[in-house]
N, C-alpha and C. Protein backbone atom coordinates (compact mmCIF):
# COMPACT_ATOMS: atom_id res chain seq x y z
N MET A 1 206.81 15.72 -235.56
CA MET A 1 208.02 16.11 -236.24
C MET A 1 207.69 16.92 -237.50
N PHE A 2 206.76 16.41 -238.32
CA PHE A 2 206.34 17.13 -239.51
C PHE A 2 204.94 17.70 -239.28
N GLU A 3 204.68 18.84 -239.87
CA GLU A 3 203.35 19.44 -239.78
C GLU A 3 202.42 18.75 -240.77
N THR A 4 201.27 18.29 -240.29
CA THR A 4 200.31 17.60 -241.14
C THR A 4 199.67 18.60 -242.10
N ASN A 5 199.70 18.29 -243.40
CA ASN A 5 199.09 19.18 -244.38
C ASN A 5 198.20 18.41 -245.37
N GLN A 6 197.72 17.23 -244.97
CA GLN A 6 196.84 16.42 -245.81
C GLN A 6 195.62 16.01 -245.00
N ASN A 7 194.46 15.97 -245.67
CA ASN A 7 193.25 15.52 -244.98
C ASN A 7 193.18 14.00 -244.99
N LYS A 8 192.27 13.43 -244.18
CA LYS A 8 192.19 11.97 -244.03
C LYS A 8 191.88 11.22 -245.31
N PRO A 9 190.86 11.63 -246.11
CA PRO A 9 190.59 10.87 -247.34
C PRO A 9 191.80 10.83 -248.29
N GLU A 10 192.52 11.92 -248.36
CA GLU A 10 193.70 11.97 -249.22
C GLU A 10 194.77 11.00 -248.72
N ARG A 11 194.95 10.94 -247.40
CA ARG A 11 195.93 10.03 -246.82
C ARG A 11 195.55 8.57 -247.08
N VAL A 12 194.25 8.25 -246.96
CA VAL A 12 193.79 6.88 -247.21
C VAL A 12 194.03 6.50 -248.67
N LEU A 13 193.72 7.41 -249.59
CA LEU A 13 193.93 7.14 -251.01
C LEU A 13 195.41 6.92 -251.32
N ARG A 14 196.26 7.75 -250.76
CA ARG A 14 197.71 7.59 -250.98
C ARG A 14 198.19 6.26 -250.43
N PHE A 15 197.65 5.84 -249.29
CA PHE A 15 198.03 4.56 -248.70
C PHE A 15 197.62 3.40 -249.60
N LEU A 16 196.39 3.44 -250.12
CA LEU A 16 195.90 2.37 -250.99
C LEU A 16 196.72 2.29 -252.29
N VAL A 17 197.03 3.43 -252.86
CA VAL A 17 197.83 3.43 -254.09
C VAL A 17 199.24 2.91 -253.81
N SER A 18 199.79 3.26 -252.65
CA SER A 18 201.13 2.78 -252.31
C SER A 18 201.16 1.27 -252.15
N LEU A 19 200.06 0.68 -251.65
CA LEU A 19 200.01 -0.78 -251.50
C LEU A 19 200.07 -1.49 -252.84
N VAL A 20 199.63 -0.83 -253.89
CA VAL A 20 199.69 -1.41 -255.24
C VAL A 20 201.08 -1.21 -255.86
N LEU A 21 201.69 -0.05 -255.61
CA LEU A 21 202.95 0.29 -256.28
C LEU A 21 204.19 -0.30 -255.62
N ILE A 22 204.20 -0.43 -254.31
CA ILE A 22 205.40 -0.89 -253.61
C ILE A 22 205.85 -2.29 -254.07
N PRO A 23 204.96 -3.26 -254.18
CA PRO A 23 205.45 -4.60 -254.58
C PRO A 23 205.67 -4.77 -256.08
N ALA A 24 205.52 -3.75 -256.88
CA ALA A 24 205.68 -3.87 -258.33
C ALA A 24 207.02 -4.48 -258.74
N PRO A 25 208.16 -4.03 -258.16
CA PRO A 25 209.44 -4.64 -258.59
C PRO A 25 209.56 -6.11 -258.19
N LEU A 26 208.83 -6.53 -257.17
CA LEU A 26 208.92 -7.92 -256.71
C LEU A 26 208.00 -8.84 -257.51
N LEU A 27 206.84 -8.33 -257.92
CA LEU A 27 205.87 -9.15 -258.61
C LEU A 27 206.07 -9.17 -260.13
N LEU A 28 206.53 -8.07 -260.68
CA LEU A 28 206.77 -7.96 -262.12
C LEU A 28 208.27 -8.06 -262.37
N GLU A 29 208.66 -8.12 -263.61
CA GLU A 29 210.10 -8.16 -263.88
C GLU A 29 210.73 -6.83 -263.48
N GLN A 30 211.94 -6.89 -262.98
CA GLN A 30 212.60 -5.68 -262.52
C GLN A 30 213.18 -4.91 -263.69
N ASN A 31 212.62 -3.75 -263.94
CA ASN A 31 213.15 -2.84 -264.94
C ASN A 31 213.01 -1.43 -264.39
N THR A 32 213.37 -0.46 -265.18
CA THR A 32 213.36 0.92 -264.71
C THR A 32 211.96 1.36 -264.30
N TYR A 33 210.97 0.97 -265.10
CA TYR A 33 209.58 1.38 -264.81
C TYR A 33 209.10 0.84 -263.46
N THR A 34 209.32 -0.43 -263.19
CA THR A 34 208.84 -1.00 -261.93
C THR A 34 209.61 -0.46 -260.73
N MET A 35 210.89 -0.15 -260.92
CA MET A 35 211.68 0.44 -259.83
C MET A 35 211.18 1.84 -259.50
N ILE A 36 210.85 2.61 -260.53
CA ILE A 36 210.30 3.95 -260.31
C ILE A 36 208.93 3.85 -259.64
N ALA A 37 208.11 2.89 -260.09
CA ALA A 37 206.79 2.69 -259.47
C ALA A 37 206.93 2.32 -258.00
N GLY A 38 207.88 1.47 -257.67
CA GLY A 38 208.13 1.11 -256.28
C GLY A 38 208.59 2.30 -255.45
N ALA A 39 209.46 3.13 -256.02
CA ALA A 39 209.93 4.32 -255.31
C ALA A 39 208.80 5.31 -255.07
N VAL A 40 207.95 5.51 -256.07
CA VAL A 40 206.79 6.39 -255.91
C VAL A 40 205.86 5.82 -254.83
N GLY A 41 205.70 4.50 -254.81
CA GLY A 41 204.90 3.85 -253.78
C GLY A 41 205.45 4.11 -252.39
N LEU A 42 206.75 4.06 -252.24
CA LEU A 42 207.35 4.34 -250.93
C LEU A 42 207.14 5.80 -250.51
N ILE A 43 207.25 6.71 -251.46
CA ILE A 43 207.00 8.12 -251.16
C ILE A 43 205.55 8.33 -250.74
N LEU A 44 204.62 7.73 -251.47
CA LEU A 44 203.20 7.85 -251.12
C LEU A 44 202.91 7.22 -249.76
N PHE A 45 203.57 6.11 -249.46
CA PHE A 45 203.40 5.47 -248.15
C PHE A 45 203.87 6.40 -247.02
N PHE A 46 205.03 7.03 -247.22
CA PHE A 46 205.53 7.99 -246.23
C PHE A 46 204.55 9.14 -246.06
N ASN A 47 204.03 9.66 -247.17
CA ASN A 47 203.05 10.75 -247.11
C ASN A 47 201.81 10.33 -246.34
N ALA A 48 201.32 9.12 -246.59
CA ALA A 48 200.10 8.65 -245.93
C ALA A 48 200.30 8.46 -244.44
N VAL A 49 201.43 7.91 -244.06
CA VAL A 49 201.68 7.65 -242.64
C VAL A 49 201.97 8.94 -241.87
N SER A 50 202.78 9.81 -242.44
CA SER A 50 203.16 11.03 -241.74
C SER A 50 202.12 12.14 -241.88
N GLY A 51 201.34 12.13 -242.97
CA GLY A 51 200.37 13.18 -243.20
C GLY A 51 200.99 14.44 -243.77
N THR A 52 202.26 14.33 -244.18
CA THR A 52 202.98 15.48 -244.70
C THR A 52 203.42 15.22 -246.13
N CYS A 53 203.10 16.14 -247.01
CA CYS A 53 203.56 16.07 -248.40
C CYS A 53 204.54 17.21 -248.60
N MET A 54 205.77 16.88 -248.95
CA MET A 54 206.80 17.91 -249.11
C MET A 54 206.50 18.82 -250.30
N THR A 55 205.86 18.29 -251.34
CA THR A 55 205.48 19.13 -252.48
C THR A 55 204.44 20.15 -252.05
N TYR A 56 203.46 19.70 -251.26
CA TYR A 56 202.47 20.64 -250.72
C TYR A 56 203.17 21.72 -249.89
N LYS A 57 204.11 21.30 -249.07
CA LYS A 57 204.82 22.24 -248.20
C LYS A 57 205.58 23.27 -249.04
N MET A 58 206.19 22.81 -250.13
CA MET A 58 206.95 23.71 -250.98
C MET A 58 206.06 24.78 -251.62
N PHE A 59 204.82 24.40 -251.99
CA PHE A 59 203.90 25.35 -252.62
C PHE A 59 202.95 26.01 -251.62
N GLY A 60 203.04 25.68 -250.34
CA GLY A 60 202.20 26.30 -249.33
C GLY A 60 200.77 25.79 -249.32
N VAL A 61 200.54 24.57 -249.79
CA VAL A 61 199.20 23.99 -249.84
C VAL A 61 198.93 23.22 -248.55
N ASN A 62 197.71 23.37 -248.03
CA ASN A 62 197.30 22.62 -246.85
C ASN A 62 195.85 22.21 -247.04
N THR A 63 195.58 20.91 -247.15
CA THR A 63 194.22 20.44 -247.37
C THR A 63 193.50 20.10 -246.08
N CYS A 64 194.15 20.26 -244.93
CA CYS A 64 193.49 20.03 -243.64
C CYS A 64 192.56 21.21 -243.35
N LYS A 65 191.43 20.90 -242.76
CA LYS A 65 190.51 21.97 -242.38
C LYS A 65 190.91 22.51 -241.01
N LEU A 66 190.79 23.82 -240.84
CA LEU A 66 191.07 24.43 -239.55
C LEU A 66 189.94 24.12 -238.58
N PRO A 67 190.27 23.88 -237.31
CA PRO A 67 189.18 23.67 -236.33
C PRO A 67 188.29 24.91 -236.25
N GLN A 68 187.00 24.72 -235.99
CA GLN A 68 186.04 25.83 -235.96
C GLN A 68 186.36 26.85 -234.88
N GLY A 69 186.90 26.43 -233.76
CA GLY A 69 187.18 27.36 -232.66
C GLY A 69 188.44 28.17 -232.84
N ASP A 70 189.27 27.80 -233.80
CA ASP A 70 190.54 28.48 -234.01
C ASP A 70 190.36 29.65 -234.98
N ALA A 71 190.66 30.84 -234.52
CA ALA A 71 190.62 32.02 -235.41
C ALA A 71 192.05 32.52 -235.54
N GLN A 72 192.55 32.57 -236.75
CA GLN A 72 193.90 33.10 -236.97
C GLN A 72 193.81 34.46 -237.61
N SER A 73 194.66 35.37 -237.15
CA SER A 73 194.64 36.72 -237.71
C SER A 73 195.79 36.91 -238.65
């Protein structure tokens, strides 16, 4: 559905960071900061699972390497 524009190490890092941020509103007191941290965690989780970063897409960034056999003109 979405075009992958992130490499594997970046996706793993985003996943690990999201695991820390998502439960913030549940473990800490609920305030604006923890709610924002939880929302950022959900966005990072979506990015990690789908492999697509909408900010990258907006700026035309792609961190995936092209396969060696593929030549684009």
